[in-house]
Structures are given as C-alpha cells and as structure tokens.
C-alpha cells in the first residue's frame, strides 16, 4: 500500500538569513548539522550529495532562490519511493531569522510504519541540531565524524549503556549535564540539547555530539567538531563505542 508523508517544522533562530543560507545550501554548512559528508552543486538543476556510511544519495535541486528558498528531491523509484526537502528563510528585524522546513515523500509497501517512525524521530534530531547549530555556532563550519558501534546489539540496551557512560539518567532530557572522560577522547563536558526514543544530542563549547539508533544498523555516533582532528576523533569514538557497547 505505502504511505505518503509531509512533515513541517519552524523555528526562529538568532542568525542572519545569510548565515542560515550557508547552513542549508552549502556542503560545509550541511556537514555542520545533518549526517555524513555533503556536497552541493548550487543553482537550479544542481545536486545535493550525501555520503553516510554506505548510504550515498544524490538529489536534484528543484528550487534555488538564494537567502529565501532552497529545495531538492530524489528521483522516484519504480515502487514510488522518493523524498524531498524544502527550506524557507525569512529575515526578521534585529538580525534573527525564521526557518521553515518541509520534508515530504512516499514510503512503499505494507511495512512502512517502522521506517516512518525512524524517519520521523531522526528528522526531529536533525532539525533540532540545525537550530542548535544556528543558535550557538552560526558562521562557523564543523567537520563531521561518523562512527559505528558493534553490530548485533539492541538499541534499548545500547541507549541505557550510552546514558550511563555519559553520566545521564535513563530518561535523559534537554538541560541535563553530560560528561565523558576517556584517554583517547579526553574530557567532554556538555549539556543535552535533544533526546527522544531514538537519539541523544549533547552540545559542548566546540562540538555537537549525537548518538542515534541506526535503522537496521548498529548504534551510530554522528558528531560535528568545530575544533580538533576529525580523522583522529573518528578512531577514538569507534574505540569508545566498542568499549561502551561491546
């Protein structure tokens, strides 16, 4: 049967329209809040490419109106599957900006519900991370760090172990203080900016750290570093996930 969907989100952020545009319509900007590494070929008829592990979609730009509207979407698969993103930017007096997003598409088959839940909860994380980025790091670009935990574990178990390792209660909520200390990572002190059934996000002075449930994959650390060596950090977080969740 399948399931068409449309999800809308809106937030006012203390960033200029130019800063918001750089965050949503450039590779370095998208790298700072979304997933994996991203490249944007600008302009109408351009493309947005994301590489996140083995997932590497290339989407077509369908609207390019700088500092106002940016949209892109995948092609439609034989079973009808597609996904589309739209960003609307509206400047406000005093230097703030209202950002509106629309994510829409179609999930095929009779078993779409689990994928839709993962997409919905993941979308909440990404939008909240974008807002957090524009609130605390606007004008700066981060290096993305992606590390995968050991396979074959349950997310319920992994989430409890992650909370314990981060010094958080099992029912972690925004505002909780988090801390990690490890030889290969150092000391990480931050605050939870997002938490739902599938993800935990922690903000520090120079990073956004995220731990999320992979859809049919192991637990993932998908971080954004505004300082430090991303390649070294990837190895360190892979080791940390192996120790913490193994």
Protein backbone atom coordinates (compact mmCIF):
# COMPACT_ATOMS: atom_id res chain seq x y z
CA UNK A 1 0.00 0.00 0.00
CA UNK A 2 2.61 2.54 1.03
CA UNK A 3 2.41 5.84 2.85
CA UNK A 4 2.75 9.43 1.56
CA UNK A 5 4.02 11.85 4.20
CA UNK A 6 4.71 15.53 4.82
CA UNK A 7 6.42 16.91 7.91
CA UNK A 8 6.66 20.65 8.65
CA UNK A 9 8.87 22.38 11.20
CA UNK A 10 9.53 26.00 12.08
CA UNK A 11 11.89 27.90 14.38
CA UNK A 12 13.18 31.42 14.86
CA UNK A 13 16.97 31.46 15.27
CA UNK A 14 19.43 34.22 16.30
CA UNK A 15 21.26 34.08 12.96
CA UNK A 16 21.13 36.22 9.84
CA UNK A 17 19.48 34.98 6.63
CA UNK A 18 22.94 34.74 5.06
CA UNK A 19 24.13 32.51 7.91
CA UNK A 20 21.03 30.34 7.61
CA UNK A 21 21.51 30.05 3.84
CA UNK A 22 25.14 28.99 4.31
CA UNK A 23 23.96 26.31 6.77
CA UNK A 24 21.32 24.79 4.50
CA UNK A 25 22.69 25.36 0.97
CA UNK A 26 26.44 24.62 1.13
CA UNK A 27 28.37 21.40 1.72
CA UNK A 28 30.32 22.74 4.73
CA UNK A 29 27.11 24.13 6.22
CA UNK A 30 25.16 20.88 5.87
CA UNK A 31 28.17 18.99 7.26
CA UNK A 32 27.73 21.01 10.45
CA UNK A 33 24.28 19.66 11.42
CA UNK A 34 23.00 16.89 9.10
CA UNK A 35 24.61 13.49 8.54
CA UNK A 36 27.82 12.38 6.84
CA UNK A 37 29.68 14.47 4.28
CA UNK A 38 27.77 16.62 1.84
CA UNK A 39 28.41 18.39 -1.44
CA UNK A 40 26.15 20.99 -3.05
CA UNK A 41 26.30 21.89 -6.72
CA UNK A 42 24.48 25.22 -6.48
CA UNK A 43 21.81 26.64 -8.72
CA UNK A 44 18.67 25.35 -10.40
CA UNK A 45 19.48 21.95 -11.87
CA UNK A 46 22.26 21.41 -9.33
CA UNK A 47 22.59 18.49 -6.93
CA UNK A 48 22.97 17.68 -3.24
CA UNK A 49 25.04 14.59 -2.48
CA UNK A 50 25.36 12.97 0.95
CA UNK A 51 27.74 10.16 1.94
CA UNK A 52 26.85 8.50 5.24
CA UNK A 53 28.48 5.07 5.51
CA UNK A 54 27.12 3.02 2.62
CA UNK A 55 24.24 5.44 2.10
CA UNK A 56 25.13 7.89 -0.70
CA UNK A 57 22.08 9.51 -2.33
CA UNK A 58 22.29 12.29 -4.91
CA UNK A 59 19.25 14.57 -5.02
CA UNK A 60 18.28 17.15 -7.65
CA UNK A 61 17.92 20.82 -6.75
CA UNK A 62 14.37 21.87 -7.60
CA UNK A 63 14.35 25.44 -6.22
CA UNK A 64 17.28 27.85 -5.79
CA UNK A 65 16.35 31.34 -4.61
CA UNK A 66 19.35 32.47 -2.51
CA UNK A 67 18.60 33.54 1.05
CA UNK A 68 14.90 32.74 0.50
CA UNK A 69 14.12 29.22 -0.68
CA UNK A 70 16.08 26.02 -1.31
CA UNK A 71 14.56 22.68 -2.30
CA UNK A 72 15.82 19.34 -3.55
CA UNK A 73 14.42 15.84 -4.04
CA UNK A 74 15.31 12.34 -5.08
CA UNK A 75 14.06 10.69 -8.22
CA UNK A 76 11.07 8.40 -7.97
CA UNK A 77 11.87 4.67 -7.70
CA UNK A 78 9.78 2.06 -9.55
CA UNK A 79 7.88 1.37 -6.31
CA UNK A 80 7.09 5.07 -5.89
CA UNK A 81 9.65 5.83 -3.17
CA UNK A 82 11.02 9.38 -3.07
CA UNK A 83 11.98 12.06 -0.56
CA UNK A 84 12.01 15.85 -0.92
CA UNK A 85 13.31 18.69 1.25
CA UNK A 86 12.35 22.35 1.22
CA UNK A 87 13.78 25.24 3.27
CA UNK A 88 12.15 28.65 3.52
CA UNK A 89 14.14 31.55 5.02
CA UNK A 90 12.58 34.79 6.29
CA UNK A 91 14.65 37.52 7.91
CA UNK A 92 13.29 39.38 10.92
CA UNK A 93 14.15 42.72 12.47
CA UNK A 94 17.04 42.59 14.90
CA UNK A 95 19.05 40.03 12.95
CA UNK A 96 17.04 36.89 13.66
CA UNK A 97 15.58 34.57 11.02
CA UNK A 98 12.55 32.34 10.78
CA UNK A 99 13.38 29.00 9.19
CA UNK A 100 10.64 26.72 7.92
CA UNK A 101 11.28 23.22 6.61
CA UNK A 102 9.12 20.71 4.77
CA UNK A 103 10.12 17.07 4.37
CA UNK A 104 7.83 15.02 2.14
CA UNK A 105 7.83 11.81 0.17
CA UNK A 106 6.44 8.32 -0.18
CA UNK A 107 7.34 5.08 1.60
CA UNK A 108 6.26 1.97 -0.33
CA UNK A 109 4.99 -1.39 0.91
CA UNK A 110 2.81 -2.56 3.78
CA UNK A 111 5.70 -2.42 6.28
CA UNK A 112 6.32 1.33 6.02
CA UNK A 113 5.40 2.12 9.65
CA UNK A 114 8.76 1.22 11.25
CA UNK A 115 10.72 3.17 8.65
CA UNK A 116 8.37 6.13 9.01
CA UNK A 117 8.88 6.13 12.79
CA UNK A 118 12.66 6.08 12.36
CA UNK A 119 12.46 8.86 9.77
CA UNK A 120 10.21 10.98 11.99
CA UNK A 121 12.37 10.62 15.10
CA UNK A 122 15.54 11.13 13.08
CA UNK A 123 14.06 14.21 11.43
CA UNK A 124 13.39 15.68 14.86
CA UNK A 125 17.05 15.20 15.75
CA UNK A 126 18.35 16.80 12.55
CA UNK A 127 16.06 19.82 12.77
CA UNK A 128 16.89 20.37 16.43
CA UNK A 129 20.60 20.06 15.61
CA UNK A 130 20.21 22.65 12.84
CA UNK A 131 18.52 25.03 15.28
CA UNK A 132 21.22 24.38 17.88
CA UNK A 133 23.93 25.00 15.29
CA UNK A 134 22.38 28.30 14.16
CA UNK A 135 21.87 29.37 17.77
CA UNK A 136 25.39 28.63 19.06
CA UNK A 137 27.73 28.18 16.07
CA UNK A 138 26.32 30.29 13.21
CA UNK A 139 29.04 31.40 10.80
CA UNK A 140 31.35 28.51 11.73
CA UNK A 141 31.69 25.18 9.95
CA UNK A 142 32.26 21.79 11.55
CA UNK A 143 33.95 18.59 10.45
CA UNK A 144 31.56 15.63 10.57
CA UNK A 145 32.61 12.48 12.46
CA UNK A 146 30.73 9.21 11.90
CA UNK A 147 31.48 6.13 14.00
CA UNK A 148 29.54 2.86 14.11
CA UNK A 149 29.10 0.75 17.21
CA UNK A 150 29.39 -3.05 17.39
CA UNK A 151 26.71 -4.94 15.41
CA UNK A 152 24.10 -7.30 16.79
CA UNK A 153 23.13 -5.32 19.89
CA UNK A 154 19.69 -3.98 20.83
CA UNK A 155 19.06 -0.24 20.87
CA UNK A 156 17.27 -0.45 24.23
CA UNK A 157 20.41 -1.95 25.77
CA UNK A 158 22.72 0.43 23.90
CA UNK A 159 20.78 3.52 24.93
CA UNK A 160 20.93 2.58 28.61
CA UNK A 161 24.69 1.98 28.36
CA UNK A 162 25.19 5.26 26.50
CA UNK A 163 23.30 7.20 29.16
CA UNK A 164 25.39 5.57 31.88
CA UNK A 165 28.64 6.34 30.05
CA UNK A 166 27.55 9.94 29.50
CA UNK A 167 26.64 10.36 33.18
CA UNK A 168 22.96 10.73 32.32
CA UNK A 169 19.79 9.17 33.73
CA UNK A 170 18.00 6.66 31.52
CA UNK A 171 15.28 9.24 30.91
CA UNK A 172 17.74 11.94 29.82
CA UNK A 173 16.09 15.24 28.90
CA UNK A 174 17.30 18.56 27.45
CA UNK A 175 19.21 20.53 30.05
CA UNK A 176 20.84 17.50 31.70
CA UNK A 177 24.61 17.76 32.13
CA UNK A 178 26.70 15.13 30.34
CA UNK A 179 30.32 14.12 30.80
CA UNK A 180 32.68 11.63 29.13
CA UNK A 181 36.27 11.06 30.17
CA UNK A 182 38.46 8.65 28.20
CA UNK A 183 42.16 8.52 27.38
CA UNK A 184 41.65 8.64 23.61
CA UNK A 185 38.88 11.27 23.73
CA UNK A 186 39.83 13.43 26.69
CA UNK A 187 37.22 15.12 28.85
CA UNK A 188 33.92 16.08 27.22
CA UNK A 189 31.55 18.23 29.26
CA UNK A 190 28.28 19.38 27.76
CA UNK A 191 24.54 19.76 28.01
CA UNK A 192 21.83 17.62 26.46
CA UNK A 193 20.08 19.70 23.80
CA UNK A 194 17.90 16.89 22.42
CA UNK A 195 16.63 13.48 23.48
CA UNK A 196 13.96 11.19 22.12
CA UNK A 197 13.39 7.44 21.82
CA UNK A 198 16.00 7.09 19.05
CA UNK A 199 18.66 9.71 19.79
CA UNK A 200 20.61 11.81 22.29
CA UNK A 201 22.29 15.10 21.39
CA UNK A 202 24.91 16.86 23.53
CA UNK A 203 26.35 20.34 22.93
CA UNK A 204 29.78 21.39 24.18
CA UNK A 205 31.80 24.56 23.68
CA UNK A 206 33.22 23.32 20.37
CA UNK A 207 31.13 20.33 19.24
CA UNK A 208 27.71 18.80 18.74
CA UNK A 209 27.77 15.13 19.78
CA UNK A 210 24.94 12.82 18.70
CA UNK A 211 24.23 9.19 19.46
CA UNK A 212 21.45 7.58 17.45
CA UNK A 213 19.78 4.35 16.62
CA UNK A 214 20.70 3.11 13.16
CA UNK A 215 17.81 1.88 11.03
CA UNK A 216 18.64 -1.85 10.65
CA UNK A 217 22.23 -0.93 11.62
CA UNK A 218 24.30 -0.60 14.82
CA UNK A 219 24.20 2.41 17.11
CA UNK A 220 25.86 5.39 15.46
CA UNK A 221 27.85 8.35 16.76
CA UNK A 222 27.32 11.23 14.32
CA UNK A 223 29.23 14.23 15.64
CA UNK A 224 30.18 17.71 14.42
CA UNK A 225 33.53 19.10 15.56
CA UNK A 226 34.27 22.82 15.35
CA UNK A 227 37.83 22.21 16.55
CA UNK A 228 40.22 19.25 16.55
CA UNK A 229 41.24 16.44 14.22
CA UNK A 230 38.17 14.70 12.74
CA UNK A 231 40.06 11.64 11.48
CA UNK A 232 41.64 11.05 14.88
CA UNK A 233 38.28 11.66 16.58
CA UNK A 234 36.57 9.05 14.39
CA UNK A 235 39.01 6.36 15.51
CA UNK A 236 38.67 7.45 19.14
CA UNK A 237 34.86 7.33 19.07
CA UNK A 238 34.82 3.97 17.31
CA UNK A 239 37.02 2.62 20.10
CA UNK A 240 34.80 4.25 22.73
CA UNK A 241 31.64 2.77 21.25
CA UNK A 242 33.26 -0.67 21.11
CA UNK A 243 34.24 -0.47 24.79
CA UNK A 244 30.98 1.07 25.93
CA UNK A 245 28.59 -1.14 23.99
CA UNK A 246 30.63 -4.31 23.41
